[in-house]
């Protein structure tokens, strides 16, 4: 295994540990279950289930690819040869580090309002401070950057296609959440929306 492969595994471990710690902490201190996926109705529940399975598949492929497993779902022939250069890999690593920093900062800023999914029953306060004063969706920005970074460090068609579809799926979820936030927080969210970019660009 190379440094870049160990680095990708480390990113997965850090993200899983941060999410698990935050979920347990909120459950113990507030009694609220912050993981509220599958509470949506109709087709959205199916979409959420598919998205979760796709994410699990992506994590599995990162692990299999990094460890050079014999059961890798997408073997060497799906590589994009032009991207297999140290410069591209280092660039991907820099993007991944940026994404990870944004991810961790967002969790600190979120406080008790962090949820996975749209929580219509026990939604927390509207968070506008910290890194949320720069982006309304820093965690989604972080995931977009990490998806792109993993593609650059591996250079396969699978990670390219997943990054593109992942970014589209995240944008769709962002629009759903914006509708909910506008209904939940009204004028306060509208002011925040006008002052702060959705992602990183106004």
N, C-alpha and C. Protein backbone atom coordinates (compact mmCIF):
# COMPACT_ATOMS: atom_id res chain seq x y z
N UNK A 1 0.83 -1.20 0.00
CA UNK A 1 0.00 0.00 0.00
C UNK A 1 0.87 1.25 0.00
N UNK A 2 0.42 2.27 -0.74
CA UNK A 2 1.14 3.53 -0.80
C UNK A 2 0.63 4.50 0.26
N UNK A 3 1.33 5.61 0.40
CA UNK A 3 0.90 6.64 1.35
C UNK A 3 -0.50 7.13 1.03
N UNK A 4 -0.80 7.31 -0.28
CA UNK A 4 -2.11 7.83 -0.67
C UNK A 4 -3.22 6.85 -0.31
N UNK A 5 -2.93 5.56 -0.37
CA UNK A 5 -3.93 4.55 -0.02
C UNK A 5 -4.18 4.53 1.49
N UNK A 6 -3.11 4.63 2.28
CA UNK A 6 -3.29 4.75 3.73
C UNK A 6 -4.05 6.02 4.08
N UNK A 7 -3.75 7.07 3.35
CA UNK A 7 -4.39 8.37 3.59
C UNK A 7 -5.90 8.28 3.37
N UNK A 8 -6.33 7.61 2.32
CA UNK A 8 -7.76 7.46 2.04
C UNK A 8 -8.45 6.67 3.14
N UNK A 9 -7.81 5.61 3.61
CA UNK A 9 -8.39 4.83 4.70
C UNK A 9 -8.51 5.67 5.97
N UNK A 10 -7.51 6.51 6.21
CA UNK A 10 -7.53 7.38 7.38
C UNK A 10 -8.70 8.36 7.31
N UNK A 11 -8.98 8.89 6.12
CA UNK A 11 -10.11 9.81 5.94
C UNK A 11 -11.43 9.12 6.31
N UNK A 12 -11.61 7.90 5.82
CA UNK A 12 -12.82 7.14 6.12
C UNK A 12 -12.97 6.94 7.62
N UNK A 13 -11.88 6.54 8.28
CA UNK A 13 -11.92 6.29 9.72
C UNK A 13 -12.27 7.57 10.48
N UNK A 14 -11.65 8.69 10.12
CA UNK A 14 -11.92 9.95 10.81
C UNK A 14 -13.38 10.35 10.65
N UNK A 15 -13.90 10.28 9.43
CA UNK A 15 -15.30 10.67 9.19
C UNK A 15 -16.26 9.80 9.99
N UNK A 16 -16.05 8.48 9.95
CA UNK A 16 -16.93 7.56 10.68
C UNK A 16 -16.86 7.83 12.18
N UNK A 17 -15.67 8.05 12.70
CA UNK A 17 -15.50 8.30 14.14
C UNK A 17 -16.16 9.61 14.56
N UNK A 18 -16.01 10.66 13.75
CA UNK A 18 -16.63 11.95 14.08
C UNK A 18 -18.15 11.83 14.10
N UNK A 19 -18.71 11.17 13.08
CA UNK A 19 -20.17 11.01 13.01
C UNK A 19 -20.67 10.17 14.17
N UNK A 20 -19.99 9.05 14.45
CA UNK A 20 -20.41 8.17 15.55
C UNK A 20 -20.33 8.89 16.89
N UNK A 21 -19.24 9.61 17.13
CA UNK A 21 -19.08 10.34 18.40
C UNK A 21 -20.18 11.38 18.56
N UNK A 22 -20.44 12.14 17.50
CA UNK A 22 -21.45 13.18 17.56
C UNK A 22 -22.84 12.59 17.81
N UNK A 23 -23.15 11.49 17.12
CA UNK A 23 -24.46 10.87 17.27
C UNK A 23 -24.65 10.35 18.70
N UNK A 24 -23.63 9.70 19.24
CA UNK A 24 -23.72 9.17 20.61
C UNK A 24 -23.81 10.31 21.62
N UNK A 25 -23.00 11.34 21.41
CA UNK A 25 -22.99 12.49 22.31
C UNK A 25 -24.37 13.15 22.38
N UNK A 26 -24.98 13.39 21.23
CA UNK A 26 -26.30 14.03 21.21
C UNK A 26 -27.36 13.14 21.84
N UNK A 27 -27.25 11.84 21.59
CA UNK A 27 -28.24 10.91 22.16
C UNK A 27 -28.15 10.91 23.69
N UNK A 28 -26.92 10.92 24.21
CA UNK A 28 -26.72 10.86 25.66
C UNK A 28 -27.07 12.18 26.33
N UNK A 29 -26.64 13.30 25.74
CA UNK A 29 -26.80 14.61 26.40
C UNK A 29 -28.18 15.24 26.19
N UNK A 30 -28.81 14.96 25.06
CA UNK A 30 -30.10 15.59 24.77
C UNK A 30 -31.26 14.61 24.66
N UNK A 31 -30.94 13.32 24.51
CA UNK A 31 -31.99 12.32 24.32
C UNK A 31 -32.56 12.30 22.92
N UNK A 32 -31.98 13.09 22.02
CA UNK A 32 -32.47 13.19 20.65
C UNK A 32 -31.66 12.25 19.75
N UNK A 33 -32.35 11.52 18.90
CA UNK A 33 -31.69 10.70 17.90
C UNK A 33 -31.41 11.56 16.68
N UNK A 34 -30.14 11.90 16.39
CA UNK A 34 -29.85 12.81 15.29
C UNK A 34 -29.88 12.15 13.91
N UNK A 35 -30.00 10.83 13.88
CA UNK A 35 -30.03 10.12 12.60
C UNK A 35 -31.49 9.89 12.23
N UNK A 36 -31.98 10.70 11.32
CA UNK A 36 -33.42 10.70 11.02
C UNK A 36 -33.70 10.34 9.55
N UNK A 37 -32.77 9.65 8.91
CA UNK A 37 -33.06 9.18 7.56
C UNK A 37 -34.17 8.15 7.61
N UNK A 38 -34.87 7.99 6.51
CA UNK A 38 -35.99 7.07 6.36
C UNK A 38 -37.26 7.55 7.06
N UNK A 39 -37.26 8.80 7.51
CA UNK A 39 -38.50 9.36 8.04
C UNK A 39 -39.29 10.09 6.96
N UNK A 40 -38.69 10.19 5.78
CA UNK A 40 -39.37 10.86 4.67
C UNK A 40 -40.52 9.99 4.18
N UNK A 41 -41.38 10.59 3.40
CA UNK A 41 -42.55 9.88 2.91
C UNK A 41 -42.39 9.54 1.43
N UNK A 42 -43.03 8.44 1.03
CA UNK A 42 -43.12 8.05 -0.37
C UNK A 42 -41.78 7.80 -1.03
N UNK A 43 -41.62 8.41 -2.21
CA UNK A 43 -40.45 8.15 -3.04
C UNK A 43 -39.15 8.61 -2.39
N UNK A 44 -39.23 9.65 -1.54
CA UNK A 44 -38.01 10.16 -0.91
C UNK A 44 -37.37 9.12 0.00
N UNK A 45 -38.19 8.27 0.62
CA UNK A 45 -37.64 7.22 1.47
C UNK A 45 -36.83 6.23 0.63
N UNK A 46 -37.32 5.91 -0.55
CA UNK A 46 -36.60 5.01 -1.45
C UNK A 46 -35.29 5.65 -1.91
N UNK A 47 -35.36 6.95 -2.22
CA UNK A 47 -34.16 7.67 -2.64
C UNK A 47 -33.12 7.68 -1.54
N UNK A 48 -33.54 7.91 -0.30
CA UNK A 48 -32.61 7.93 0.83
C UNK A 48 -31.97 6.55 1.02
N UNK A 49 -32.77 5.49 0.88
CA UNK A 49 -32.23 4.13 1.02
C UNK A 49 -31.20 3.85 -0.07
N UNK A 50 -31.50 4.26 -1.30
CA UNK A 50 -30.56 4.05 -2.40
C UNK A 50 -29.29 4.84 -2.19
N UNK A 51 -29.42 6.08 -1.72
CA UNK A 51 -28.25 6.92 -1.47
C UNK A 51 -27.36 6.32 -0.39
N UNK A 52 -27.98 5.78 0.67
CA UNK A 52 -27.21 5.16 1.74
C UNK A 52 -26.46 3.93 1.24
N UNK A 53 -27.13 3.10 0.44
CA UNK A 53 -26.47 1.92 -0.13
C UNK A 53 -25.33 2.31 -1.05
N UNK A 54 -25.54 3.36 -1.84
CA UNK A 54 -24.49 3.84 -2.74
C UNK A 54 -23.28 4.32 -1.95
N UNK A 55 -23.52 5.03 -0.85
CA UNK A 55 -22.42 5.53 -0.03
C UNK A 55 -21.65 4.38 0.61
N UNK A 56 -22.38 3.37 1.08
CA UNK A 56 -21.72 2.18 1.64
C UNK A 56 -20.88 1.49 0.57
N UNK A 57 -21.42 1.42 -0.65
CA UNK A 57 -20.66 0.83 -1.76
C UNK A 57 -19.39 1.61 -2.07
N UNK A 58 -19.50 2.95 -2.00
CA UNK A 58 -18.32 3.79 -2.24
C UNK A 58 -17.26 3.56 -1.19
N UNK A 59 -17.66 3.51 0.09
CA UNK A 59 -16.70 3.25 1.17
C UNK A 59 -16.05 1.89 0.98
N UNK A 60 -16.86 0.88 0.63
CA UNK A 60 -16.32 -0.46 0.41
C UNK A 60 -15.30 -0.46 -0.72
N UNK A 61 -15.60 0.26 -1.80
CA UNK A 61 -14.67 0.30 -2.94
C UNK A 61 -13.39 1.04 -2.58
N UNK A 62 -13.49 2.10 -1.77
CA UNK A 62 -12.28 2.80 -1.32
C UNK A 62 -11.39 1.83 -0.55
N UNK A 63 -11.98 1.07 0.36
CA UNK A 63 -11.21 0.12 1.18
C UNK A 63 -10.62 -0.99 0.32
N UNK A 64 -11.44 -1.58 -0.56
CA UNK A 64 -10.96 -2.67 -1.42
C UNK A 64 -9.86 -2.21 -2.36
N UNK A 65 -10.04 -1.02 -2.92
CA UNK A 65 -9.06 -0.49 -3.86
C UNK A 65 -7.75 -0.15 -3.15
N UNK A 66 -7.86 0.47 -1.98
CA UNK A 66 -6.67 0.88 -1.24
C UNK A 66 -5.86 -0.32 -0.75
N UNK A 67 -6.55 -1.39 -0.39
CA UNK A 67 -5.87 -2.58 0.13
C UNK A 67 -5.52 -3.59 -0.95
N UNK A 68 -5.81 -3.25 -2.22
CA UNK A 68 -5.52 -4.13 -3.36
C UNK A 68 -6.16 -5.51 -3.19
N UNK A 69 -7.39 -5.49 -2.72
CA UNK A 69 -8.11 -6.74 -2.49
C UNK A 69 -8.40 -7.47 -3.81
N UNK A 70 -8.40 -8.77 -3.74
CA UNK A 70 -8.71 -9.58 -4.93
C UNK A 70 -10.19 -9.49 -5.32
N UNK A 71 -11.02 -9.05 -4.40
CA UNK A 71 -12.45 -8.95 -4.70
C UNK A 71 -12.86 -7.52 -5.03
N UNK A 72 -11.91 -6.70 -5.45
CA UNK A 72 -12.21 -5.33 -5.87
C UNK A 72 -13.29 -5.37 -6.95
N UNK A 73 -14.38 -4.60 -6.73
CA UNK A 73 -15.50 -4.61 -7.67
C UNK A 73 -15.13 -4.04 -9.04
N UNK A 74 -14.18 -3.10 -9.05
CA UNK A 74 -13.81 -2.41 -10.29
C UNK A 74 -12.29 -2.51 -10.47
N UNK A 75 -11.84 -3.49 -11.24
CA UNK A 75 -10.40 -3.78 -11.35
C UNK A 75 -9.62 -2.74 -12.13
N UNK A 76 -8.35 -3.03 -12.35
CA UNK A 76 -7.40 -2.09 -12.94
C UNK A 76 -7.83 -1.56 -14.31
N UNK A 77 -8.55 -2.33 -15.09
CA UNK A 77 -8.86 -1.91 -16.46
C UNK A 77 -9.77 -0.69 -16.52
N UNK A 78 -10.36 -0.29 -15.39
CA UNK A 78 -11.22 0.89 -15.41
C UNK A 78 -10.46 2.14 -14.98
N UNK A 79 -9.13 2.05 -14.94
CA UNK A 79 -8.32 3.22 -14.59
C UNK A 79 -8.26 4.22 -15.73
N UNK A 80 -8.12 5.48 -15.37
CA UNK A 80 -7.90 6.55 -16.34
C UNK A 80 -6.41 6.87 -16.28
N UNK A 81 -5.65 6.37 -17.24
CA UNK A 81 -4.19 6.40 -17.17
C UNK A 81 -3.62 7.81 -17.04
N UNK A 82 -4.27 8.80 -17.66
CA UNK A 82 -3.73 10.16 -17.66
C UNK A 82 -3.66 10.76 -16.25
N UNK A 83 -4.42 10.22 -15.33
CA UNK A 83 -4.47 10.80 -13.99
C UNK A 83 -3.48 10.17 -13.03
N UNK A 84 -2.74 9.17 -13.47
CA UNK A 84 -1.84 8.47 -12.57
C UNK A 84 -0.47 9.14 -12.53
N UNK A 85 -0.46 10.33 -11.95
CA UNK A 85 0.78 11.07 -11.77
C UNK A 85 0.87 11.54 -10.32
N UNK A 86 2.07 11.66 -9.78
CA UNK A 86 2.21 12.13 -8.39
C UNK A 86 1.59 13.50 -8.17
N UNK A 87 1.70 14.39 -9.17
CA UNK A 87 1.15 15.74 -9.02
C UNK A 87 -0.36 15.71 -8.81
N UNK A 88 -1.06 14.90 -9.61
CA UNK A 88 -2.51 14.79 -9.49
C UNK A 88 -2.88 14.20 -8.13
N UNK A 89 -2.15 13.19 -7.70
CA UNK A 89 -2.44 12.56 -6.41
C UNK A 89 -2.22 13.53 -5.25
N UNK A 90 -1.16 14.32 -5.32
CA UNK A 90 -0.90 15.31 -4.27
C UNK A 90 -1.98 16.38 -4.27
N UNK A 91 -2.42 16.78 -5.47
CA UNK A 91 -3.51 17.75 -5.57
C UNK A 91 -4.78 17.18 -4.94
N UNK A 92 -5.05 15.90 -5.22
CA UNK A 92 -6.20 15.24 -4.62
C UNK A 92 -6.10 15.18 -3.11
N UNK A 93 -4.89 14.91 -2.61
CA UNK A 93 -4.69 14.87 -1.17
C UNK A 93 -4.96 16.23 -0.53
N UNK A 94 -4.51 17.31 -1.18
CA UNK A 94 -4.74 18.66 -0.66
C UNK A 94 -6.24 18.97 -0.61
N UNK A 95 -6.97 18.56 -1.65
CA UNK A 95 -8.42 18.77 -1.66
C UNK A 95 -9.08 17.98 -0.54
N UNK A 96 -8.62 16.74 -0.34
CA UNK A 96 -9.19 15.91 0.72
C UNK A 96 -8.96 16.52 2.10
N UNK A 97 -7.77 17.04 2.34
CA UNK A 97 -7.47 17.68 3.62
C UNK A 97 -8.37 18.89 3.82
N UNK A 98 -8.57 19.68 2.76
CA UNK A 98 -9.47 20.83 2.84
C UNK A 98 -10.89 20.39 3.21
N UNK A 99 -11.35 19.33 2.54
CA UNK A 99 -12.69 18.80 2.83
C UNK A 99 -12.81 18.31 4.26
N UNK A 100 -11.77 17.63 4.74
CA UNK A 100 -11.81 17.10 6.10
C UNK A 100 -11.83 18.22 7.14
N UNK A 101 -11.06 19.27 6.90
CA UNK A 101 -11.04 20.41 7.83
C UNK A 101 -12.43 21.08 7.87
N UNK A 102 -13.02 21.29 6.69
CA UNK A 102 -14.36 21.89 6.62
C UNK A 102 -15.37 21.00 7.35
N UNK A 103 -15.26 19.69 7.14
CA UNK A 103 -16.16 18.72 7.78
C UNK A 103 -16.10 18.84 9.30
N UNK A 104 -14.89 18.85 9.86
CA UNK A 104 -14.73 18.91 11.32
C UNK A 104 -15.20 20.25 11.88
N UNK A 105 -14.86 21.34 11.18
CA UNK A 105 -15.31 22.66 11.62
C UNK A 105 -16.84 22.76 11.64
N UNK A 106 -17.47 22.14 10.64
CA UNK A 106 -18.93 22.17 10.57
C UNK A 106 -19.55 21.46 11.77
N UNK A 107 -18.95 20.36 12.20
CA UNK A 107 -19.48 19.63 13.33
C UNK A 107 -19.36 20.44 14.62
N UNK A 108 -18.26 21.19 14.76
CA UNK A 108 -18.12 22.06 15.92
C UNK A 108 -19.17 23.17 15.89
N UNK A 109 -19.40 23.75 14.72
CA UNK A 109 -20.34 24.86 14.60
C UNK A 109 -21.79 24.41 14.77
N UNK A 110 -22.09 23.19 14.37
CA UNK A 110 -23.46 22.71 14.38
C UNK A 110 -24.05 22.62 15.79
N UNK A 111 -23.22 22.29 16.76
CA UNK A 111 -23.74 22.13 18.12
C UNK A 111 -24.77 21.03 18.19
N UNK A 112 -25.88 21.28 18.90
CA UNK A 112 -26.93 20.27 19.07
C UNK A 112 -27.90 20.20 17.90
N UNK A 113 -27.69 21.01 16.87
CA UNK A 113 -28.63 21.06 15.75
C UNK A 113 -28.29 20.07 14.64
N UNK A 114 -27.18 19.35 14.78
CA UNK A 114 -26.76 18.44 13.70
C UNK A 114 -27.73 17.28 13.57
N UNK A 115 -28.10 16.97 12.33
CA UNK A 115 -28.96 15.83 12.02
C UNK A 115 -28.49 15.19 10.71
N UNK A 116 -28.75 13.89 10.59
CA UNK A 116 -28.61 13.23 9.28
C UNK A 116 -30.02 13.01 8.77
N UNK A 117 -30.43 13.79 7.79
CA UNK A 117 -31.80 13.75 7.32
C UNK A 117 -32.55 14.99 7.77
N UNK A 118 -33.81 15.07 7.39
CA UNK A 118 -34.66 16.22 7.74
C UNK A 118 -35.49 15.86 8.95
N UNK A 119 -35.23 16.54 10.06
CA UNK A 119 -35.90 16.27 11.33
C UNK A 119 -37.04 17.26 11.52
N UNK A 120 -38.25 16.82 11.24
CA UNK A 120 -39.40 17.70 11.35
C UNK A 120 -39.95 17.75 12.77
N UNK A 121 -39.56 16.79 13.61
CA UNK A 121 -40.11 16.71 14.96
C UNK A 121 -39.26 17.44 15.99
N UNK A 122 -37.95 17.27 15.92
CA UNK A 122 -37.07 17.84 16.95
C UNK A 122 -35.94 18.65 16.31
N UNK A 123 -36.26 19.45 15.33
CA UNK A 123 -35.24 20.27 14.67
C UNK A 123 -34.63 21.25 15.67
N UNK A 124 -33.32 21.45 15.57
CA UNK A 124 -32.64 22.36 16.49
C UNK A 124 -32.74 23.80 16.01
N UNK A 125 -31.94 24.64 16.63
CA UNK A 125 -31.93 26.05 16.25
C UNK A 125 -31.26 26.22 14.88
N UNK A 126 -31.54 27.32 14.22
CA UNK A 126 -30.90 27.64 12.95
C UNK A 126 -29.46 28.07 13.21
N UNK A 127 -28.51 27.36 12.64
CA UNK A 127 -27.09 27.66 12.86
C UNK A 127 -26.59 28.57 11.74
N UNK A 128 -26.06 29.73 12.12
CA UNK A 128 -25.57 30.69 11.13
C UNK A 128 -24.15 31.16 11.44
N UNK A 129 -23.59 30.72 12.57
CA UNK A 129 -22.26 31.17 12.97
C UNK A 129 -21.17 30.20 12.58
N UNK A 130 -19.94 30.55 12.93
CA UNK A 130 -18.80 29.69 12.61
C UNK A 130 -18.64 29.54 11.11
N UNK A 131 -18.36 28.34 10.67
CA UNK A 131 -18.16 28.11 9.24
C UNK A 131 -19.46 28.25 8.46
N UNK A 132 -20.60 28.23 9.17
CA UNK A 132 -21.89 28.42 8.51
C UNK A 132 -22.11 29.87 8.09
N UNK A 133 -21.24 30.76 8.51
CA UNK A 133 -21.30 32.14 8.03
C UNK A 133 -20.60 32.28 6.68
N UNK A 134 -19.89 31.25 6.29
CA UNK A 134 -19.19 31.23 4.99
C UNK A 134 -19.97 30.42 3.97
N UNK A 135 -20.57 29.33 4.43
CA UNK A 135 -21.34 28.44 3.56
C UNK A 135 -22.55 27.93 4.32
N UNK A 136 -23.70 27.87 3.64
CA UNK A 136 -24.90 27.34 4.29
C UNK A 136 -24.85 25.82 4.41
N UNK A 137 -23.98 25.19 3.63
CA UNK A 137 -23.92 23.72 3.61
C UNK A 137 -22.48 23.23 3.64
N UNK A 138 -21.73 23.54 4.69
CA UNK A 138 -20.31 23.16 4.71
C UNK A 138 -20.07 21.66 4.71
N UNK A 139 -20.94 20.88 5.35
CA UNK A 139 -20.73 19.44 5.35
C UNK A 139 -20.89 18.88 3.94
N UNK A 140 -21.85 19.40 3.19
CA UNK A 140 -22.02 18.94 1.82
C UNK A 140 -20.84 19.38 0.95
N UNK A 141 -20.33 20.57 1.19
CA UNK A 141 -19.12 21.02 0.48
C UNK A 141 -17.97 20.06 0.78
N UNK A 142 -17.84 19.68 2.05
CA UNK A 142 -16.77 18.77 2.46
C UNK A 142 -16.89 17.43 1.73
N UNK A 143 -18.09 16.88 1.67
CA UNK A 143 -18.27 15.59 0.98
C UNK A 143 -17.99 15.72 -0.51
N UNK A 144 -18.42 16.80 -1.13
CA UNK A 144 -18.12 17.02 -2.55
C UNK A 144 -16.61 17.03 -2.78
N UNK A 145 -15.89 17.74 -1.93
CA UNK A 145 -14.43 17.81 -2.07
C UNK A 145 -13.78 16.45 -1.87
N UNK A 146 -14.26 15.69 -0.90
CA UNK A 146 -13.68 14.37 -0.63
C UNK A 146 -13.98 13.41 -1.77
N UNK A 147 -15.18 13.45 -2.33
CA UNK A 147 -15.49 12.60 -3.49
C UNK A 147 -14.54 12.91 -4.65
N UNK A 148 -14.34 14.20 -4.91
CA UNK A 148 -13.43 14.61 -6.00
C UNK A 148 -12.01 14.19 -5.69
N UNK A 149 -11.59 14.37 -4.44
CA UNK A 149 -10.22 14.04 -4.04
C UNK A 149 -9.94 12.55 -4.19
N UNK A 150 -10.87 11.70 -3.78
CA UNK A 150 -10.68 10.26 -3.90
C UNK A 150 -10.57 9.85 -5.37
N UNK A 151 -11.37 10.50 -6.21
CA UNK A 151 -11.23 10.24 -7.65
C UNK A 151 -9.84 10.61 -8.15
N UNK A 152 -9.34 11.77 -7.77
CA UNK A 152 -8.02 12.21 -8.25
C UNK A 152 -6.91 11.31 -7.73
N UNK A 153 -7.04 10.81 -6.51
CA UNK A 153 -6.00 9.96 -5.95
C UNK A 153 -6.01 8.55 -6.52
N UNK A 154 -7.17 8.12 -7.07
CA UNK A 154 -7.27 6.77 -7.62
C UNK A 154 -7.31 6.75 -9.14
N UNK A 155 -7.98 7.75 -9.72
CA UNK A 155 -8.03 7.85 -11.17
C UNK A 155 -8.77 6.73 -11.87
N UNK A 156 -9.93 6.31 -11.32
CA UNK A 156 -10.72 5.28 -11.98
C UNK A 156 -12.07 5.86 -12.39
N UNK A 157 -12.67 5.19 -13.37
CA UNK A 157 -13.98 5.65 -13.85
C UNK A 157 -15.04 5.53 -12.76
N UNK A 158 -14.93 4.50 -11.92
CA UNK A 158 -15.92 4.33 -10.85
C UNK A 158 -15.95 5.56 -9.95
N UNK A 159 -14.78 6.01 -9.49
CA UNK A 159 -14.75 7.15 -8.57
C UNK A 159 -15.13 8.46 -9.27
N UNK A 160 -14.86 8.55 -10.57
CA UNK A 160 -15.30 9.73 -11.32
C UNK A 160 -16.82 9.77 -11.40
N UNK A 161 -17.42 8.65 -11.80
CA UNK A 161 -18.88 8.60 -11.94
C UNK A 161 -19.55 8.80 -10.60
N UNK A 162 -19.00 8.18 -9.55
CA UNK A 162 -19.60 8.35 -8.22
C UNK A 162 -19.51 9.81 -7.77
N UNK A 163 -18.37 10.46 -8.02
CA UNK A 163 -18.22 11.85 -7.61
C UNK A 163 -19.26 12.72 -8.29
N UNK A 164 -19.46 12.52 -9.59
CA UNK A 164 -20.44 13.33 -10.33
C UNK A 164 -21.87 13.07 -9.83
N UNK A 165 -22.22 11.78 -9.68
CA UNK A 165 -23.56 11.45 -9.19
C UNK A 165 -23.74 11.88 -7.74
N UNK A 166 -22.68 11.76 -6.94
CA UNK A 166 -22.75 12.18 -5.55
C UNK A 166 -23.01 13.67 -5.41
N UNK A 167 -22.33 14.45 -6.23
CA UNK A 167 -22.52 15.90 -6.20
C UNK A 167 -23.95 16.26 -6.60
N UNK A 168 -24.47 15.58 -7.62
CA UNK A 168 -25.86 15.83 -8.04
C UNK A 168 -26.85 15.44 -6.94
N UNK A 169 -26.61 14.29 -6.30
CA UNK A 169 -27.50 13.83 -5.24
C UNK A 169 -27.47 14.79 -4.04
N UNK A 170 -26.29 15.26 -3.71
CA UNK A 170 -26.16 16.21 -2.60
C UNK A 170 -26.89 17.51 -2.91
N UNK A 171 -26.80 17.96 -4.16
CA UNK A 171 -27.50 19.18 -4.54
C UNK A 171 -29.01 18.99 -4.41
N UNK A 172 -29.50 17.83 -4.82
CA UNK A 172 -30.93 17.56 -4.68
C UNK A 172 -31.36 17.57 -3.22
N UNK A 173 -30.56 16.96 -2.34
CA UNK A 173 -30.87 16.97 -0.92
C UNK A 173 -30.81 18.38 -0.34
N UNK A 174 -29.86 19.17 -0.83
CA UNK A 174 -29.75 20.57 -0.38
C UNK A 174 -31.02 21.34 -0.69
N UNK A 175 -31.55 21.17 -1.88
CA UNK A 175 -32.79 21.87 -2.26
C UNK A 175 -33.96 21.44 -1.38
N UNK A 176 -34.04 20.15 -1.06
CA UNK A 176 -35.09 19.65 -0.15
C UNK A 176 -34.96 20.31 1.22
N UNK A 177 -33.75 20.37 1.72
CA UNK A 177 -33.53 20.94 3.05
C UNK A 177 -33.82 22.44 3.06
N UNK A 178 -33.51 23.12 1.97
CA UNK A 178 -33.80 24.55 1.91
C UNK A 178 -35.30 24.82 2.00
N UNK A 179 -36.08 23.98 1.36
CA UNK A 179 -37.54 24.13 1.43
C UNK A 179 -38.01 23.95 2.87
N UNK A 180 -37.47 22.94 3.54
CA UNK A 180 -37.85 22.69 4.94
C UNK A 180 -37.42 23.84 5.84
N UNK A 181 -36.19 24.33 5.66
CA UNK A 181 -35.67 25.40 6.50
C UNK A 181 -36.46 26.69 6.32
N UNK A 182 -36.86 26.96 5.09
CA UNK A 182 -37.65 28.16 4.82
C UNK A 182 -38.99 28.08 5.54
N UNK A 183 -39.60 26.90 5.56
CA UNK A 183 -40.87 26.71 6.24
C UNK A 183 -40.70 26.76 7.76
N UNK A 184 -39.60 26.21 8.24
CA UNK A 184 -39.39 26.09 9.68
C UNK A 184 -38.96 27.41 10.32
N UNK A 185 -38.05 28.13 9.67
CA UNK A 185 -37.45 29.31 10.30
C UNK A 185 -37.88 30.62 9.67
N UNK A 186 -38.62 30.56 8.58
CA UNK A 186 -39.23 31.75 8.00
C UNK A 186 -38.27 32.88 7.66
N UNK A 187 -38.54 34.06 8.18
CA UNK A 187 -37.79 35.26 7.83
C UNK A 187 -36.33 35.16 8.25
N UNK A 188 -36.05 34.49 9.37
CA UNK A 188 -34.66 34.35 9.83
C UNK A 188 -33.83 33.58 8.81
N UNK A 189 -34.41 32.52 8.25
CA UNK A 189 -33.68 31.76 7.24
C UNK A 189 -33.56 32.55 5.94
N UNK A 190 -34.57 33.31 5.60
CA UNK A 190 -34.52 34.10 4.37
C UNK A 190 -33.40 35.13 4.44
N UNK A 191 -33.22 35.78 5.60
CA UNK A 191 -32.10 36.72 5.78
C UNK A 191 -30.77 36.00 5.66
N UNK A 192 -30.68 34.86 6.28
CA UNK A 192 -29.45 34.07 6.24
C UNK A 192 -29.15 33.62 4.81
N UNK A 193 -30.17 33.20 4.09
CA UNK A 193 -30.01 32.74 2.72
C UNK A 193 -29.47 33.85 1.82
N UNK A 194 -29.93 35.07 2.04
CA UNK A 194 -29.50 36.20 1.21
C UNK A 194 -28.06 36.63 1.53
N UNK A 195 -27.61 36.38 2.75
CA UNK A 195 -26.29 36.84 3.19
C UNK A 195 -25.18 35.81 2.95
N UNK A 196 -25.54 34.54 2.85
CA UNK A 196 -24.54 33.47 2.84
C UNK A 196 -24.72 32.57 1.62
N UNK A 197 -23.62 32.24 0.93
CA UNK A 197 -23.72 31.39 -0.24
C UNK A 197 -24.17 29.97 0.09
N UNK A 198 -24.84 29.34 -0.86
CA UNK A 198 -25.31 27.97 -0.66
C UNK A 198 -24.13 27.02 -0.43
N UNK A 199 -23.11 27.18 -1.24
CA UNK A 199 -21.92 26.33 -1.09
C UNK A 199 -20.71 27.23 -0.76
N UNK A 200 -19.97 27.61 -1.77
CA UNK A 200 -18.84 28.50 -1.53
C UNK A 200 -18.86 29.73 -2.42
N UNK A 201 -19.71 29.71 -3.44
CA UNK A 201 -19.81 30.84 -4.38
C UNK A 201 -21.16 31.49 -4.20
N UNK A 202 -21.20 32.82 -4.22
CA UNK A 202 -22.44 33.55 -3.97
C UNK A 202 -23.52 33.13 -4.95
